[in-house]
């Protein structure tokens, strides 16, 4: 994808999905942090169902730590990988209280030092809770950006670097949501809806398919 088609793709994504926001419900940086940790290999819809109940009484590190690990586990078990998530959430809450006065840190280095927090989770928190430009690469962003040609990397870190290079910094956070929603609605993992895709005029994959049909 050349510079002109990259700009065209970014403009189309903004036009079609510019109104879309984070799919996770949250009222504080801490709520977003925990919700994002729970979202690993789980849908936002499921996470929102779990946190809508959990956060009624347990929406701060102190309140989470008033639970035993087993009690937390019982409240998040439907999110999948619940044993590991419960352990990491408890450890993270301890660290937030001991190292950060109960507040969620704002830097990549500090966030990824928390148990169970990788670059994707850190980028989601930085972008959506603190307004810091960032691109979180989840399965949708990884798949869509490679298919259309915005990135070529073979792993999430390389794709993140490609996107940071190819998308203007002031658009990073918005582009993250736009790529996610495009992946959910059109550029699905199986049977993508290329015939109705607004990006077909500039997408690398679509253009290759069109070229094959003319040969």
C-alpha atoms as a PDB file:
ATOM      1  CA  UNK A   1       0.000   0.000   0.000  1.00  0.00           C
ATOM      2  CA  UNK A   2       1.573   3.268  -1.127  1.00  0.00           C
ATOM      3  CA  UNK A   3       1.294   6.607   0.634  1.00  0.00           C
ATOM      4  CA  UNK A   4      -1.723   7.745  -1.375  1.00  0.00           C
ATOM      5  CA  UNK A   5      -3.724   4.577  -0.758  1.00  0.00           C
ATOM      6  CA  UNK A   6      -2.786   4.628   2.952  1.00  0.00           C
ATOM      7  CA  UNK A   7      -4.206   8.126   3.227  1.00  0.00           C
ATOM      8  CA  UNK A   8      -7.317   7.015   1.349  1.00  0.00           C
ATOM      9  CA  UNK A   9      -7.793   4.014   3.654  1.00  0.00           C
ATOM     10  CA  UNK A  10      -7.396   6.128   6.793  1.00  0.00           C
ATOM     11  CA  UNK A  11      -9.903   8.672   5.460  1.00  0.00           C
ATOM     12  CA  UNK A  12     -12.454   5.964   4.641  1.00  0.00           C
ATOM     13  CA  UNK A  13     -12.070   4.363   8.063  1.00  0.00           C
ATOM     14  CA  UNK A  14     -12.627   7.755   9.699  1.00  0.00           C
ATOM     15  CA  UNK A  15     -15.680   8.423   7.569  1.00  0.00           C
ATOM     16  CA  UNK A  16     -17.310   5.047   8.229  1.00  0.00           C
ATOM     17  CA  UNK A  17     -16.269   4.410  11.834  1.00  0.00           C
ATOM     18  CA  UNK A  18     -15.371   7.835  13.153  1.00  0.00           C
ATOM     19  CA  UNK A  19     -18.162   7.676  15.735  1.00  0.00           C
ATOM     20  CA  UNK A  20     -17.031   4.357  17.232  1.00  0.00           C
ATOM     21  CA  UNK A  21     -15.391   4.240  20.666  1.00  0.00           C
ATOM     22  CA  UNK A  22     -13.965   1.703  23.058  1.00  0.00           C
ATOM     23  CA  UNK A  23     -16.230  -1.321  23.328  1.00  0.00           C
ATOM     24  CA  UNK A  24     -15.529  -1.772  27.034  1.00  0.00           C
ATOM     25  CA  UNK A  25     -17.667   0.049  29.596  1.00  0.00           C
ATOM     26  CA  UNK A  26     -15.724   1.943  32.267  1.00  0.00           C
ATOM     27  CA  UNK A  27     -15.960   4.950  34.581  1.00  0.00           C
ATOM     28  CA  UNK A  28     -12.336   5.191  35.706  1.00  0.00           C
ATOM     29  CA  UNK A  29      -8.825   4.196  34.589  1.00  0.00           C
ATOM     30  CA  UNK A  30      -8.919   1.332  37.089  1.00  0.00           C
ATOM     31  CA  UNK A  31     -12.189  -0.013  35.720  1.00  0.00           C
ATOM     32  CA  UNK A  32     -10.761   0.108  32.183  1.00  0.00           C
ATOM     33  CA  UNK A  33      -7.543  -1.614  33.284  1.00  0.00           C
ATOM     34  CA  UNK A  34      -9.401  -4.524  34.876  1.00  0.00           C
ATOM     35  CA  UNK A  35     -11.893  -4.764  32.003  1.00  0.00           C
ATOM     36  CA  UNK A  36      -9.058  -4.910  29.471  1.00  0.00           C
ATOM     37  CA  UNK A  37      -7.282  -7.595  31.477  1.00  0.00           C
ATOM     38  CA  UNK A  38     -10.522  -9.583  31.472  1.00  0.00           C
ATOM     39  CA  UNK A  39     -10.964  -9.115  27.716  1.00  0.00           C
ATOM     40  CA  UNK A  40      -8.080 -11.416  26.768  1.00  0.00           C
ATOM     41  CA  UNK A  41      -9.624 -14.153  24.592  1.00  0.00           C
ATOM     42  CA  UNK A  42     -13.073 -12.885  25.562  1.00  0.00           C
ATOM     43  CA  UNK A  43     -15.600 -10.594  23.888  1.00  0.00           C
ATOM     44  CA  UNK A  44     -16.251  -7.058  25.060  1.00  0.00           C
ATOM     45  CA  UNK A  45     -19.933  -7.940  25.386  1.00  0.00           C
ATOM     46  CA  UNK A  46     -19.149 -10.714  27.864  1.00  0.00           C
ATOM     47  CA  UNK A  47     -16.698  -8.539  29.800  1.00  0.00           C
ATOM     48  CA  UNK A  48     -19.268  -5.749  30.083  1.00  0.00           C
ATOM     49  CA  UNK A  49     -21.811  -8.183  31.514  1.00  0.00           C
ATOM     50  CA  UNK A  50     -19.303  -9.322  34.126  1.00  0.00           C
ATOM     51  CA  UNK A  51     -18.023  -5.871  35.084  1.00  0.00           C
ATOM     52  CA  UNK A  52     -21.507  -4.356  35.247  1.00  0.00           C
ATOM     53  CA  UNK A  53     -22.072  -6.596  38.261  1.00  0.00           C
ATOM     54  CA  UNK A  54     -18.521  -6.632  39.622  1.00  0.00           C
ATOM     55  CA  UNK A  55     -18.128  -2.857  39.674  1.00  0.00           C
ATOM     56  CA  UNK A  56     -21.318  -2.300  41.657  1.00  0.00           C
ATOM     57  CA  UNK A  57     -19.322  -3.141  44.791  1.00  0.00           C
ATOM     58  CA  UNK A  58     -15.729  -3.738  43.668  1.00  0.00           C
ATOM     59  CA  UNK A  59     -14.415  -0.927  41.473  1.00  0.00           C
ATOM     60  CA  UNK A  60     -11.185   0.102  43.244  1.00  0.00           C
ATOM     61  CA  UNK A  61      -8.028  -1.810  44.181  1.00  0.00           C
ATOM     62  CA  UNK A  62      -8.998  -1.691  47.861  1.00  0.00           C
ATOM     63  CA  UNK A  63     -12.458  -3.095  47.184  1.00  0.00           C
ATOM     64  CA  UNK A  64     -11.140  -5.858  44.925  1.00  0.00           C
ATOM     65  CA  UNK A  65      -8.705  -6.865  47.661  1.00  0.00           C
ATOM     66  CA  UNK A  66     -11.558  -7.178  50.134  1.00  0.00           C
ATOM     67  CA  UNK A  67     -12.396 -10.315  48.159  1.00  0.00           C
ATOM     68  CA  UNK A  68     -10.510 -13.567  48.356  1.00  0.00           C
ATOM     69  CA  UNK A  69      -9.038 -14.833  45.116  1.00  0.00           C
ATOM     70  CA  UNK A  70     -11.717 -17.524  44.966  1.00  0.00           C
ATOM     71  CA  UNK A  71     -14.459 -14.944  45.468  1.00  0.00           C
ATOM     72  CA  UNK A  72     -13.067 -12.843  42.614  1.00  0.00           C
ATOM     73  CA  UNK A  73     -12.733 -15.959  40.490  1.00  0.00           C
ATOM     74  CA  UNK A  74     -16.408 -16.787  40.948  1.00  0.00           C
ATOM     75  CA  UNK A  75     -17.334 -13.306  39.696  1.00  0.00           C
ATOM     76  CA  UNK A  76     -15.182 -13.380  36.557  1.00  0.00           C
ATOM     77  CA  UNK A  77     -15.270 -17.079  35.648  1.00  0.00           C
ATOM     78  CA  UNK A  78     -17.349 -16.600  32.496  1.00  0.00           C
ATOM     79  CA  UNK A  79     -14.617 -14.444  30.925  1.00  0.00           C
ATOM     80  CA  UNK A  80     -12.363 -17.437  30.336  1.00  0.00           C
ATOM     81  CA  UNK A  81      -8.831 -18.027  31.646  1.00  0.00           C
ATOM     82  CA  UNK A  82     -10.373 -16.953  34.928  1.00  0.00           C
ATOM     83  CA  UNK A  83      -7.814 -18.590  37.230  1.00  0.00           C
ATOM     84  CA  UNK A  84      -4.915 -16.708  35.686  1.00  0.00           C
ATOM     85  CA  UNK A  85      -6.877 -13.470  35.396  1.00  0.00           C
ATOM     86  CA  UNK A  86      -7.949 -13.600  39.051  1.00  0.00           C
ATOM     87  CA  UNK A  87      -4.370 -14.125  40.221  1.00  0.00           C
ATOM     88  CA  UNK A  88      -3.065 -11.265  38.040  1.00  0.00           C
ATOM     89  CA  UNK A  89      -5.835  -8.885  39.081  1.00  0.00           C
ATOM     90  CA  UNK A  90      -5.156  -9.510  42.755  1.00  0.00           C
ATOM     91  CA  UNK A  91      -1.397  -9.015  42.279  1.00  0.00           C
ATOM     92  CA  UNK A  92      -1.986  -5.884  40.217  1.00  0.00           C
ATOM     93  CA  UNK A  93      -4.251  -4.405  42.885  1.00  0.00           C
ATOM     94  CA  UNK A  94      -1.577  -5.013  45.527  1.00  0.00           C
ATOM     95  CA  UNK A  95       1.011  -3.258  43.352  1.00  0.00           C
ATOM     96  CA  UNK A  96      -1.255  -0.329  42.581  1.00  0.00           C
ATOM     97  CA  UNK A  97      -1.698   0.268  46.309  1.00  0.00           C
ATOM     98  CA  UNK A  98       1.919  -0.290  47.312  1.00  0.00           C
ATOM     99  CA  UNK A  99       3.605   1.509  44.406  1.00  0.00           C
ATOM    100  CA  UNK A 100       1.108   4.028  43.012  1.00  0.00           C
ATOM    101  CA  UNK A 101      -1.162   5.061  45.856  1.00  0.00           C
ATOM    102  CA  UNK A 102      -4.026   3.153  44.336  1.00  0.00           C
ATOM    103  CA  UNK A 103      -3.855   5.050  41.039  1.00  0.00           C
ATOM    104  CA  UNK A 104      -3.296   3.523  37.610  1.00  0.00           C
ATOM    105  CA  UNK A 105       0.064   4.605  36.139  1.00  0.00           C
ATOM    106  CA  UNK A 106       0.190   6.308  32.751  1.00  0.00           C
ATOM    107  CA  UNK A 107       3.379   5.058  31.085  1.00  0.00           C
ATOM    108  CA  UNK A 108       4.016   1.963  29.016  1.00  0.00           C
ATOM    109  CA  UNK A 109       6.917   0.921  31.248  1.00  0.00           C
ATOM    110  CA  UNK A 110       4.889   1.194  34.449  1.00  0.00           C
ATOM    111  CA  UNK A 111       1.761  -0.424  33.042  1.00  0.00           C
ATOM    112  CA  UNK A 112       3.528  -3.424  31.528  1.00  0.00           C
ATOM    113  CA  UNK A 113       5.272  -4.020  34.859  1.00  0.00           C
ATOM    114  CA  UNK A 114       1.862  -4.903  36.316  1.00  0.00           C
ATOM    115  CA  UNK A 115       1.040  -8.642  36.365  1.00  0.00           C
ATOM    116  CA  UNK A 116      -0.994  -9.699  33.344  1.00  0.00           C
ATOM    117  CA  UNK A 117      -0.584  -6.368  31.534  1.00  0.00           C
ATOM    118  CA  UNK A 118       1.032  -6.472  28.099  1.00  0.00           C
ATOM    119  CA  UNK A 119       1.484  -3.792  25.445  1.00  0.00           C
ATOM    120  CA  UNK A 120      -2.044  -4.183  24.108  1.00  0.00           C
ATOM    121  CA  UNK A 121      -3.656  -3.642  27.498  1.00  0.00           C
ATOM    122  CA  UNK A 122      -1.275  -0.779  28.291  1.00  0.00           C
ATOM    123  CA  UNK A 123      -2.070   0.933  24.987  1.00  0.00           C
ATOM    124  CA  UNK A 124      -5.815   0.575  25.561  1.00  0.00           C
ATOM    125  CA  UNK A 125      -5.505   2.191  28.994  1.00  0.00           C
ATOM    126  CA  UNK A 126      -3.144   4.956  27.869  1.00  0.00           C
ATOM    127  CA  UNK A 127      -5.343   5.824  24.911  1.00  0.00           C
ATOM    128  CA  UNK A 128      -8.833   5.554  26.361  1.00  0.00           C
ATOM    129  CA  UNK A 129      -8.282   6.477  30.006  1.00  0.00           C
ATOM    130  CA  UNK A 130      -5.619   9.155  29.618  1.00  0.00           C
ATOM    131  CA  UNK A 131      -5.907  10.420  26.039  1.00  0.00           C
ATOM    132  CA  UNK A 132      -2.327   9.444  25.194  1.00  0.00           C
ATOM    133  CA  UNK A 133      -1.893   8.589  21.486  1.00  0.00           C
ATOM    134  CA  UNK A 134      -1.482   4.820  21.191  1.00  0.00           C
ATOM    135  CA  UNK A 135      -2.415   1.891  18.956  1.00  0.00           C
ATOM    136  CA  UNK A 136      -3.408  -1.309  20.702  1.00  0.00           C
ATOM    137  CA  UNK A 137      -2.981  -4.313  18.417  1.00  0.00           C
ATOM    138  CA  UNK A 138      -5.588  -6.963  19.149  1.00  0.00           C
ATOM    139  CA  UNK A 139      -6.614  -9.792  16.820  1.00  0.00           C
ATOM    140  CA  UNK A 140      -8.873  -7.499  14.757  1.00  0.00           C
ATOM    141  CA  UNK A 141      -6.266  -4.762  14.328  1.00  0.00           C
ATOM    142  CA  UNK A 142      -3.586  -7.329  13.486  1.00  0.00           C
ATOM    143  CA  UNK A 143      -5.717  -9.076  10.862  1.00  0.00           C
ATOM    144  CA  UNK A 144      -7.272  -6.011   9.235  1.00  0.00           C
ATOM    145  CA  UNK A 145      -4.140  -3.881   9.061  1.00  0.00           C
ATOM    146  CA  UNK A 146      -2.214  -6.693   7.376  1.00  0.00           C
ATOM    147  CA  UNK A 147      -5.015  -7.544   4.945  1.00  0.00           C
ATOM    148  CA  UNK A 148      -5.533  -4.021   3.725  1.00  0.00           C
ATOM    149  CA  UNK A 149      -1.803  -3.205   3.687  1.00  0.00           C
ATOM    150  CA  UNK A 150      -1.362  -0.733   6.529  1.00  0.00           C
ATOM    151  CA  UNK A 151       1.118  -3.097   8.183  1.00  0.00           C
ATOM    152  CA  UNK A 152       3.357  -5.995   7.145  1.00  0.00           C
ATOM    153  CA  UNK A 153       4.785  -7.190  10.457  1.00  0.00           C
ATOM    154  CA  UNK A 154       4.580 -10.851  11.430  1.00  0.00           C
ATOM    155  CA  UNK A 155       3.881 -10.242  15.111  1.00  0.00           C
ATOM    156  CA  UNK A 156       1.886  -7.744  17.153  1.00  0.00           C
ATOM    157  CA  UNK A 157       4.909  -5.616  18.088  1.00  0.00           C
ATOM    158  CA  UNK A 158       5.999  -5.264  14.462  1.00  0.00           C
ATOM    159  CA  UNK A 159       2.457  -4.448  13.370  1.00  0.00           C
ATOM    160  CA  UNK A 160       2.206  -1.810  16.103  1.00  0.00           C
ATOM    161  CA  UNK A 161       5.431  -0.206  14.842  1.00  0.00           C
ATOM    162  CA  UNK A 162       4.188  -0.312  11.234  1.00  0.00           C
ATOM    163  CA  UNK A 163       0.911   1.360  12.183  1.00  0.00           C
ATOM    164  CA  UNK A 164       2.664   4.034  14.233  1.00  0.00           C
ATOM    165  CA  UNK A 165       4.794   4.763  11.176  1.00  0.00           C
ATOM    166  CA  UNK A 166       1.984   4.706   8.613  1.00  0.00           C
ATOM    167  CA  UNK A 167      -0.759   6.527  10.543  1.00  0.00           C
ATOM    168  CA  UNK A 168      -0.372  10.145  11.746  1.00  0.00           C
ATOM    169  CA  UNK A 169       0.150  10.216  15.513  1.00  0.00           C
ATOM    170  CA  UNK A 170      -2.902  12.359  16.164  1.00  0.00           C
ATOM    171  CA  UNK A 171      -5.017   9.620  14.560  1.00  0.00           C
ATOM    172  CA  UNK A 172      -3.513   6.594  16.331  1.00  0.00           C
ATOM    173  CA  UNK A 173      -6.166   6.192  19.001  1.00  0.00           C
ATOM    174  CA  UNK A 174      -9.094   6.721  16.637  1.00  0.00           C
ATOM    175  CA  UNK A 175      -7.600   4.392  14.030  1.00  0.00           C
ATOM    176  CA  UNK A 176      -7.322   1.666  16.658  1.00  0.00           C
ATOM    177  CA  UNK A 177     -11.082   1.708  17.226  1.00  0.00           C
ATOM    178  CA  UNK A 178     -11.843   2.055  13.517  1.00  0.00           C
ATOM    179  CA  UNK A 179      -9.759  -0.988  12.608  1.00  0.00           C
ATOM    180  CA  UNK A 180     -11.403  -3.017  15.379  1.00  0.00           C
ATOM    181  CA  UNK A 181     -14.926  -2.169  14.258  1.00  0.00           C
ATOM    182  CA  UNK A 182     -14.084  -2.798  10.609  1.00  0.00           C
ATOM    183  CA  UNK A 183     -12.774  -6.212  11.630  1.00  0.00           C
ATOM    184  CA  UNK A 184     -15.931  -6.964  13.574  1.00  0.00           C
ATOM    185  CA  UNK A 185     -18.414  -5.771  10.970  1.00  0.00           C
ATOM    186  CA  UNK A 186     -16.791  -6.321   7.562  1.00  0.00           C
ATOM    187  CA  UNK A 187     -13.242  -7.706   7.492  1.00  0.00           C
ATOM    188  CA  UNK A 188     -14.096 -10.730   9.595  1.00  0.00           C
ATOM    189  CA  UNK A 189     -11.658 -13.551  10.290  1.00  0.00           C
ATOM    190  CA  UNK A 190     -13.665 -16.010   8.225  1.00  0.00           C
ATOM    191  CA  UNK A 191     -15.488 -15.045   5.038  1.00  0.00           C
ATOM    192  CA  UNK A 192     -14.714 -11.309   4.993  1.00  0.00           C
ATOM    193  CA  UNK A 193     -17.359  -9.247   3.194  1.00  0.00           C
ATOM    194  CA  UNK A 194     -15.065  -7.907   0.475  1.00  0.00           C
ATOM    195  CA  UNK A 195     -17.926  -7.360  -1.952  1.00  0.00           C
ATOM    196  CA  UNK A 196     -19.422  -4.674   0.298  1.00  0.00           C
ATOM    197  CA  UNK A 197     -16.217  -3.329   1.837  1.00  0.00           C
ATOM    198  CA  UNK A 198     -15.729   0.441   1.556  1.00  0.00           C
ATOM    199  CA  UNK A 199     -11.960  -0.133   1.532  1.00  0.00           C
ATOM    200  CA  UNK A 200     -12.007  -2.305  -1.586  1.00  0.00           C
ATOM    201  CA  UNK A 201     -10.825   0.663  -3.674  1.00  0.00           C
ATOM    202  CA  UNK A 202      -7.516   0.825  -1.817  1.00  0.00           C
ATOM    203  CA  UNK A 203      -7.095  -2.490   0.042  1.00  0.00           C
ATOM    204  CA  UNK A 204      -4.078  -4.544  -1.034  1.00  0.00           C
ATOM    205  CA  UNK A 205      -5.960  -7.833  -0.800  1.00  0.00           C
ATOM    206  CA  UNK A 206      -9.018  -6.572  -2.691  1.00  0.00           C
ATOM    207  CA  UNK A 207      -6.910  -5.021  -5.445  1.00  0.00           C
ATOM    208  CA  UNK A 208      -4.949  -8.265  -5.886  1.00  0.00           C
ATOM    209  CA  UNK A 209      -8.185 -10.218  -6.183  1.00  0.00           C
ATOM    210  CA  UNK A 210      -9.545  -7.745  -8.733  1.00  0.00           C
ATOM    211  CA  UNK A 211      -6.350  -8.010 -10.759  1.00  0.00           C
ATOM    212  CA  UNK A 212      -6.568 -11.817 -10.836  1.00  0.00           C
ATOM    213  CA  UNK A 213     -10.118 -11.637 -12.171  1.00  0.00           C
ATOM    214  CA  UNK A 214      -9.000  -9.469 -15.112  1.00  0.00           C
ATOM    215  CA  UNK A 215      -6.179 -11.789 -16.142  1.00  0.00           C
END
